[in-house]
Protein backbone atom coordinates (compact mmCIF):
# COMPACT_ATOMS: atom_id res chain seq x y z
CA UNK A 1 172.63 8.33 151.68
CA UNK A 2 169.57 7.17 153.60
CA UNK A 3 166.39 5.63 152.26
CA UNK A 4 164.27 7.91 150.16
CA UNK A 5 161.06 9.29 151.66
CA UNK A 6 159.07 10.05 148.50
CA UNK A 7 159.24 9.86 144.74
CA UNK A 8 157.83 11.90 141.87
CA UNK A 9 157.23 10.59 138.35
CA UNK A 10 158.04 12.59 135.23
CA UNK A 11 158.41 12.06 131.49
CA UNK A 12 161.50 13.75 130.06
CA UNK A 13 162.73 14.01 126.48
CA UNK A 14 165.98 12.16 125.74
CA UNK A 15 168.25 15.16 125.05
CA UNK A 16 167.03 16.97 128.17
CA UNK A 17 167.68 13.92 130.31
CA UNK A 18 171.20 13.74 128.91
CA UNK A 19 171.75 17.43 129.76
CA UNK A 20 170.33 16.91 133.23
CA UNK A 21 172.48 13.88 134.04
CA UNK A 22 175.69 15.23 132.50
CA UNK A 23 175.21 18.87 133.51
CA UNK A 24 176.04 19.91 129.95
CA UNK A 25 173.41 21.97 128.14
CA UNK A 26 175.50 22.42 124.97
CA UNK A 27 173.33 19.91 123.07
CA UNK A 28 170.01 21.67 123.73
CA UNK A 29 168.50 24.98 122.67
CA UNK A 30 168.39 28.07 124.90
CA UNK A 31 164.62 27.59 125.30
CA UNK A 32 165.11 23.96 126.36
CA UNK A 33 167.85 25.00 128.78
CA UNK A 34 165.54 27.59 130.36
CA UNK A 35 162.73 25.01 130.60
CA UNK A 36 165.12 22.55 132.25
CA UNK A 37 166.29 25.13 134.80
CA UNK A 38 162.66 25.97 135.61
CA UNK A 39 161.87 22.25 135.98
CA UNK A 40 164.74 21.82 138.46
CA UNK A 41 163.66 24.91 140.41
CA UNK A 42 160.04 23.68 140.47
CA UNK A 43 161.17 20.23 141.64
CA UNK A 44 163.18 21.75 144.47
CA UNK A 45 160.23 23.96 145.47
CA UNK A 46 157.87 20.96 145.42
CA UNK A 47 160.28 18.97 147.56
CA UNK A 48 160.53 21.75 150.16
CA UNK A 49 156.76 22.34 150.10
CA UNK A 50 156.00 18.62 150.57
CA UNK A 51 158.80 17.69 153.00
CA UNK A 52 160.35 20.79 154.53
CA UNK A 53 163.54 22.69 153.91
CA UNK A 54 165.86 19.80 154.69
CA UNK A 55 164.57 17.55 151.90
CA UNK A 56 166.58 16.92 148.73
CA UNK A 57 165.44 15.48 145.41
CA UNK A 58 167.79 13.53 143.17
CA UNK A 59 166.85 12.76 139.59
CA UNK A 60 167.59 9.11 138.99
CA UNK A 61 166.24 5.89 137.60
CA UNK A 62 165.23 6.60 133.99
CA UNK A 63 163.47 3.60 132.45
CA UNK A 64 165.32 1.78 129.70
CA UNK A 65 162.35 2.07 127.35
CA UNK A 66 161.36 5.24 125.53
CA UNK A 67 158.03 6.26 124.09
CA UNK A 68 156.79 9.06 121.86
CA UNK A 69 154.87 11.26 124.30
CA UNK A 70 154.68 14.76 125.82
CA UNK A 71 157.72 15.94 127.81
CA UNK A 72 156.93 17.30 131.29
CA UNK A 73 159.78 19.83 130.99
CA UNK A 74 159.02 21.49 127.63
CA UNK A 75 155.47 20.35 126.88
CA UNK A 76 156.60 19.19 123.44
CA UNK A 77 156.07 15.70 122.08
CA UNK A 78 159.17 13.62 121.50
CA UNK A 79 161.04 10.46 122.36
CA UNK A 80 160.86 10.45 126.18
CA UNK A 81 161.90 8.40 129.18
CA UNK A 82 159.85 7.88 132.31
CA UNK A 83 161.98 9.24 135.15
CA UNK A 84 161.67 8.91 138.92
CA UNK A 85 162.87 11.77 141.13
CA UNK A 86 163.71 10.38 144.56
CA UNK A 87 163.35 12.63 147.59
CA UNK A 88 165.74 12.21 150.53
CA UNK A 89 165.59 13.81 153.97
CA UNK A 90 168.89 15.45 154.87
CA UNK A 91 169.96 16.29 158.40
């Protein structure tokens, strides 16, 4: 894949990050699963709005350190990672 063209910063709770990376929502509640789906949809919409319909965002690069803070997906406070979503231009 080519170099990324943009990046977005988010803070995501540990169990949601695990569900996002593994594609397995069995360890989270239905409300968290819905919030995660909305987050992914919103990220895709932001990517298209900012970079056009051929852009693609990949969630990668969680920091190794966690902190107790507000999750950007659910709005709840918890043990979270800082996460970078990289945006790639596809052709």
